[in-house]
Protein backbone atom coordinates (compact mmCIF):
# COMPACT_ATOMS: atom_id res chain seq x y z
CA MET A 1 37.60 -98.93 22.37
CA SER A 2 40.67 -98.29 20.20
CA THR A 3 39.06 -100.08 17.25
CA ARG A 4 36.31 -97.44 17.22
CA LEU A 5 38.46 -94.33 17.40
CA TRP A 6 37.63 -93.76 13.73
CA LEU A 7 34.24 -92.53 14.94
CA VAL A 8 35.88 -89.31 16.21
CA PRO A 9 37.22 -88.06 12.84
CA LEU A 10 34.04 -89.32 11.18
CA GLY A 11 32.00 -87.19 13.55
CA TYR A 12 34.15 -84.17 12.80
CA LEU A 13 33.85 -84.59 9.02
CA VAL A 14 30.08 -85.06 9.21
CA GLY A 15 29.75 -82.06 11.51
CA SER A 16 31.76 -79.97 9.05
CA ILE A 17 29.21 -80.29 6.22
CA PRO A 18 27.90 -76.69 5.66
CA PHE A 19 24.28 -77.47 4.94
CA GLY A 20 23.17 -73.84 5.34
CA LEU A 21 25.58 -72.66 2.67
CA LEU A 22 24.60 -75.50 0.33
CA MET A 23 20.85 -75.04 0.79
CA ALA A 24 20.92 -71.26 0.29
CA LYS A 25 22.94 -71.63 -2.90
CA ALA A 26 20.74 -74.45 -4.21
CA SER A 27 17.43 -72.70 -3.49
CA SER A 28 18.23 -69.09 -4.37
CA GLY A 29 21.82 -68.88 -5.59
CA VAL A 30 22.80 -66.84 -2.53
CA ASP A 31 26.11 -67.21 -0.72
CA VAL A 32 24.65 -66.92 2.77
CA ARG A 33 28.08 -65.96 4.14
CA ARG A 34 27.82 -62.66 2.27
CA VAL A 35 24.23 -61.77 3.16
CA GLY A 36 22.78 -60.37 6.36
CA SER A 37 24.73 -61.51 9.38
CA GLY A 38 26.95 -63.81 7.31
CA ASN A 39 25.85 -66.80 9.40
CA ILE A 40 25.54 -70.20 7.73
CA GLY A 41 22.86 -71.37 10.15
CA ALA A 42 19.11 -71.66 9.70
CA THR A 43 18.27 -68.19 11.07
CA ASN A 44 20.30 -66.36 8.45
CA VAL A 45 19.21 -68.82 5.76
CA LEU A 46 15.63 -67.91 6.69
CA ARG A 47 16.38 -64.23 6.15
CA ALA A 48 18.33 -64.79 2.95
CA ALA A 49 16.60 -67.72 1.22
CA GLY A 50 13.20 -68.24 2.87
CA LYS A 51 11.39 -70.69 5.08
CA GLY A 52 11.88 -73.83 2.98
CA ALA A 53 15.66 -73.58 2.79
CA ALA A 54 15.83 -72.64 6.48
CA ALA A 55 13.70 -75.61 7.57
CA ILE A 56 15.82 -78.05 5.58
CA THR A 57 19.01 -76.46 6.94
CA LEU A 58 17.76 -76.80 10.50
CA ALA A 59 16.80 -80.45 9.98
CA LEU A 60 20.09 -81.38 8.32
CA ASP A 61 22.23 -79.56 10.89
CA MET A 62 20.37 -81.44 13.62
CA LEU A 63 20.76 -84.72 11.73
CA LYS A 64 24.50 -84.31 11.36
CA GLY A 65 24.74 -83.78 15.13
CA TRP A 66 22.59 -86.80 15.88
CA ALA A 67 23.93 -89.38 13.39
CA PRO A 68 27.58 -89.86 14.50
CA VAL A 69 26.61 -89.99 18.19
CA ALA A 70 23.72 -92.38 17.52
CA LEU A 71 26.03 -94.58 15.43
CA SER A 72 28.63 -94.73 18.19
CA GLN A 73 25.93 -95.71 20.69
CA ALA A 74 24.54 -98.37 18.36
CA LEU A 75 28.01 -99.92 18.11
CA GLY A 76 28.20 -100.22 21.90
CA THR A 77 30.93 -97.61 22.21
CA PRO A 78 32.00 -96.71 25.78
CA GLY A 79 30.56 -93.49 27.17
CA ALA A 80 33.89 -91.64 27.15
CA LEU A 81 34.32 -92.24 23.42
CA VAL A 82 30.68 -91.34 22.74
CA ALA A 83 31.37 -88.00 24.44
CA CYS A 84 34.47 -87.50 22.28
CA VAL A 85 32.45 -88.23 19.14
CA ALA A 86 29.79 -85.75 20.27
CA LEU A 87 32.39 -83.05 20.89
CA ALA A 88 34.16 -83.72 17.57
CA THR A 89 30.87 -83.53 15.67
CA PHE A 90 29.95 -80.25 17.34
CA LEU A 91 33.41 -78.77 16.71
CA GLY A 92 33.12 -79.82 13.08
CA HIS A 93 30.25 -77.37 12.66
CA LEU A 94 32.11 -74.60 14.47
CA TYR A 95 35.42 -75.19 12.67
CA PRO A 96 34.64 -77.00 9.39
CA VAL A 97 37.57 -78.17 7.32
CA TYR A 98 35.53 -77.52 4.15
CA LEU A 99 35.25 -73.76 4.88
CA GLY A 100 38.73 -73.02 6.13
CA PHE A 101 37.70 -73.73 9.74
CA ARG A 102 35.20 -70.84 9.73
CA GLY A 103 31.88 -72.29 10.73
CA GLY A 104 28.78 -71.61 12.73
CA LYS A 105 27.58 -71.27 16.27
CA GLY A 106 26.43 -74.86 16.50
CA VAL A 107 22.97 -74.56 18.04
CA ALA A 108 21.16 -76.97 15.70
CA THR A 109 24.09 -79.39 15.72
CA PHE A 110 24.16 -79.16 19.51
CA LEU A 111 20.46 -80.04 19.58
CA GLY A 112 21.11 -83.07 17.37
CA VAL A 113 23.86 -84.22 19.71
CA MET A 114 21.55 -83.81 22.69
CA TRP A 115 18.83 -85.74 20.89
CA ALA A 116 21.18 -88.70 20.54
CA LEU A 117 22.24 -88.48 24.19
CA SER A 118 18.72 -87.98 25.60
CA ALA A 119 15.55 -87.41 23.56
CA LYS A 120 13.77 -86.14 26.68
CA VAL A 121 16.39 -83.46 27.25
CA ALA A 122 16.28 -82.46 23.58
CA PHE A 123 12.50 -82.10 23.79
CA LEU A 124 12.84 -79.85 26.83
CA ILE A 125 15.50 -77.75 25.11
CA ILE A 126 13.20 -77.29 22.11
CA ALA A 127 10.33 -76.31 24.41
CA ILE A 128 12.49 -73.68 26.14
CA TRP A 129 13.72 -72.35 22.78
CA LEU A 130 10.17 -72.05 21.43
CA PHE A 131 8.95 -70.28 24.57
CA ILE A 132 11.76 -67.71 24.61
CA ALA A 133 11.60 -67.22 20.84
CA ALA A 134 7.84 -66.66 20.93
CA LEU A 135 8.19 -64.24 23.84
CA PHE A 136 11.08 -62.11 22.56
CA ARG A 137 11.45 -63.00 18.83
CA TYR A 138 15.23 -63.32 19.11
CA SER A 139 16.69 -66.63 17.92
CA SER A 140 20.05 -65.97 19.58
CA LEU A 141 18.49 -65.24 22.97
CA ALA A 142 16.34 -68.36 22.76
CA ALA A 143 19.39 -70.45 21.84
CA LEU A 144 21.44 -69.09 24.72
CA VAL A 145 18.73 -69.64 27.32
CA ALA A 146 17.93 -73.15 26.07
CA SER A 147 21.57 -74.24 25.87
CA ALA A 148 22.30 -72.71 29.29
CA ALA A 149 19.57 -74.91 30.77
CA SER A 150 20.89 -78.08 29.12
CA PRO A 151 23.55 -79.07 31.72
CA LEU A 152 20.96 -78.94 34.48
CA LEU A 153 18.46 -80.84 32.33
CA ILE A 154 20.94 -83.60 31.45
CA TRP A 155 21.85 -83.92 35.12
CA LEU A 156 18.21 -84.19 36.21
CA VAL A 157 17.08 -86.51 33.41
CA ASP A 158 20.20 -88.60 32.68
CA GLY A 159 22.46 -88.06 35.67
CA ARG A 160 25.75 -89.19 34.14
CA PRO A 161 28.51 -86.75 35.20
CA LEU A 162 30.39 -87.32 31.93
CA TYR A 163 27.47 -86.01 29.89
CA VAL A 164 26.95 -83.10 32.28
CA ILE A 165 30.59 -82.08 31.73
CA LEU A 166 30.21 -82.55 27.97
CA THR A 167 27.11 -80.36 27.92
CA LEU A 168 28.86 -77.66 29.94
CA ILE A 169 31.70 -77.64 27.40
CA LEU A 170 29.27 -77.39 24.49
CA PHE A 171 27.40 -74.54 26.16
CA ALA A 172 30.68 -72.71 26.78
CA PHE A 173 31.45 -72.82 23.05
CA ILE A 174 27.93 -71.65 22.19
CA LEU A 175 28.25 -68.75 24.63
CA VAL A 176 31.58 -67.65 23.15
CA ARG A 177 30.26 -67.93 19.60
CA HIS A 178 27.30 -65.73 20.54
CA ARG A 179 29.36 -62.93 22.06
CA GLU A 180 28.55 -60.56 19.17
CA ASN A 181 24.86 -61.41 19.47
CA LEU A 182 25.00 -60.52 23.15
CA LEU A 183 26.49 -57.14 22.30
CA ARG A 184 23.78 -56.53 19.68
CA LEU A 185 21.06 -57.63 22.09
CA ARG A 186 22.36 -55.19 24.67
CA ALA A 187 22.41 -52.41 22.07
CA GLY A 188 18.96 -53.31 20.72
CA GLU A 189 20.42 -54.07 17.27
CA GLU A 190 19.88 -57.83 17.05
CA GLY A 191 17.78 -59.02 14.12
CA LYS A 192 14.50 -60.69 14.99
CA ILE A 193 13.18 -64.02 13.75
CA GLY A 194 11.68 -63.75 10.28
CA GLN A 195 13.28 -60.39 9.50
CA ARG A 196 14.16 -60.51 5.82
CA VAL A 197 17.41 -59.31 4.31
CA GLN A 198 16.96 -56.26 2.10
CA GLY A 199 18.91 -57.37 -0.94
CA ALA A 200 22.23 -59.15 -0.96
CA ARG A 201 23.99 -56.88 1.49
CA VAL A 202 27.63 -57.69 1.98
CA ASP A 203 28.80 -56.84 5.48
CA PRO A 204 32.36 -55.72 6.16
CA PRO A 205 34.67 -58.73 6.54
CA ARG A 206 35.23 -59.84 10.10
CA ARG A 207 37.10 -62.75 11.55
CA ASP A 208 33.87 -64.12 13.05
CA ARG A 209 31.73 -63.38 10.00
CA PHE A 210 30.97 -67.00 9.18
CA ALA A 211 29.22 -68.02 12.40
CA SER A 212 25.78 -69.66 12.42
């Protein structure tokens, strides 16, 4: 096990790659941190840079969650270390070293991690997200409902207590990172899916301004 501890920092560094920021700048020259909600995730990239950049951001954020965990599994890494790699990868997106530890909310990266742990659970999470998103048109609400269901899903489908605990921890981080979204949802001020940014609006600086 000790010979594979390098997988933990590798996971963190991969998780830290800010694909949303890179894609928005490459496709439209926009610093997505200074537009709309300031989020570096696919939802704000969609508003700021369009569907193409958002789709690529979503795919790459999922890939960076999947790859380190899948690699650790392929190397026959013990389950406890796989869980550590998964957590490190997820935390890399939330607290990326490349952006001064100001990252995103981790939903796509979380989905990538879940895909590596259990493709069936990931499929169910996607189905729940799509249903809630289609019904209410709020990406944040869909993400919260889908991630809240994930510990139960991993328990029913996989059954390993270690992964249930891991999923509970990941959901707790997602819930905390969405606290502002919850306040906006309650106030009826949350932006809906597909709502475009009117110009390059720069919001007032906030400590949580760089979430995705």
